[in-house]
Amino acid sequence: MYYVSKNISKVGNQIGVVEEKITEYHVLNSNKTISNFAPVGTKLFSVSGRSTSEAIAVEYPQGRYCEAVAYQNQ
């Protein structure tokens, strides 16, 4: 799980696309790439210099990107 952190301008390679939009009541037993905020079809990218287990980039209209940071298990 990731949370949106900040806008960024440099991203790496595309790593996937949102396949399903969920609600807070959705059971998380899907093998699909899911999101509760990004629409289906939204492209996902690696963040330059970071592991995808740490952060990913989410593409928004007009070539804008935001960084989504992984929640750390406490």
Protein backbone atom coordinates (compact mmCIF):
# COMPACT_ATOMS: atom_id res chain seq x y z
CA MET A 1 0.00 0.00 0.00
CA TYR A 2 1.16 3.48 -0.87
CA TYR A 3 0.18 7.04 0.06
CA VAL A 4 0.53 10.07 -2.21
CA SER A 5 3.47 12.13 -1.07
CA LYS A 6 4.42 14.94 -3.48
CA ASN A 7 4.62 16.03 -7.11
CA ILE A 8 7.73 14.93 -8.98
CA SER A 9 9.10 15.63 -12.44
CA LYS A 10 11.48 12.72 -13.17
CA VAL A 11 10.26 9.13 -13.41
CA GLY A 12 11.73 5.83 -14.54
CA ASN A 13 10.15 3.10 -16.66
CA GLN A 14 6.46 2.28 -16.74
CA ILE A 15 5.78 -0.60 -14.32
CA GLY A 16 2.05 -1.05 -14.71
CA VAL A 17 -1.41 0.43 -14.99
CA VAL A 18 -4.34 0.67 -12.58
CA GLU A 19 -6.70 -2.18 -13.46
CA GLU A 20 -9.43 -1.68 -10.88
CA LYS A 21 -10.75 1.19 -8.77
CA ILE A 22 -11.80 0.14 -5.27
CA THR A 23 -13.70 1.56 -2.31
CA GLU A 24 -12.77 1.31 1.33
CA TYR A 25 -15.18 -1.61 1.61
CA HIS A 26 -13.55 -3.66 -1.15
CA VAL A 27 -12.03 -6.99 -0.15
CA LEU A 28 -8.35 -6.97 -1.08
CA ASN A 29 -8.05 -10.45 -2.56
CA SER A 30 -7.45 -9.45 -6.17
CA ASN A 31 -4.36 -10.10 -8.28
CA LYS A 32 -5.08 -6.90 -10.18
CA THR A 33 -3.28 -3.59 -9.74
CA ILE A 34 -5.78 -1.58 -7.71
CA SER A 35 -6.20 1.99 -6.46
CA ASN A 36 -8.66 3.84 -4.29
CA PHE A 37 -7.87 7.22 -5.86
CA ALA A 38 -6.39 6.82 -9.37
CA PRO A 39 -8.81 5.93 -12.18
CA VAL A 40 -8.57 2.69 -14.16
CA GLY A 41 -5.99 3.09 -16.92
CA THR A 42 -3.70 5.39 -14.90
CA LYS A 43 -0.07 4.59 -15.71
CA LEU A 44 2.37 3.73 -12.92
CA PHE A 45 6.13 4.28 -13.12
CA SER A 46 9.24 3.63 -11.09
CA VAL A 47 10.77 6.64 -9.34
CA SER A 48 14.32 7.41 -10.46
CA GLY A 49 16.78 6.33 -7.78
CA ARG A 50 14.21 4.47 -5.62
CA SER A 51 13.05 0.88 -5.34
CA THR A 52 9.40 0.21 -6.23
CA SER A 53 9.06 -1.31 -2.76
CA GLU A 54 9.77 2.22 -1.43
CA ALA A 55 7.89 4.44 -3.91
CA ILE A 56 6.18 4.58 -7.29
CA ALA A 57 5.08 7.44 -9.54
CA VAL A 58 1.46 7.91 -10.62
CA GLU A 59 0.83 9.73 -13.92
CA TYR A 60 -1.83 12.43 -14.00
CA PRO A 61 -3.18 14.38 -16.99
CA GLN A 62 -0.86 16.62 -18.97
CA GLY A 63 2.26 14.60 -18.09
CA ARG A 64 2.24 15.40 -14.37
CA TYR A 65 3.41 12.84 -11.82
CA CYS A 66 3.06 12.38 -8.10
CA GLU A 67 5.13 10.14 -5.88
CA ALA A 68 3.31 7.49 -3.89
CA VAL A 69 5.38 6.22 -0.96
CA ALA A 70 4.96 2.73 0.52
CA TYR A 71 3.56 2.49 4.02
CA GLN A 72 6.23 1.04 6.28
CA ASN A 73 5.28 -1.99 8.38
CA GLN A 74 5.68 -0.95 11.99
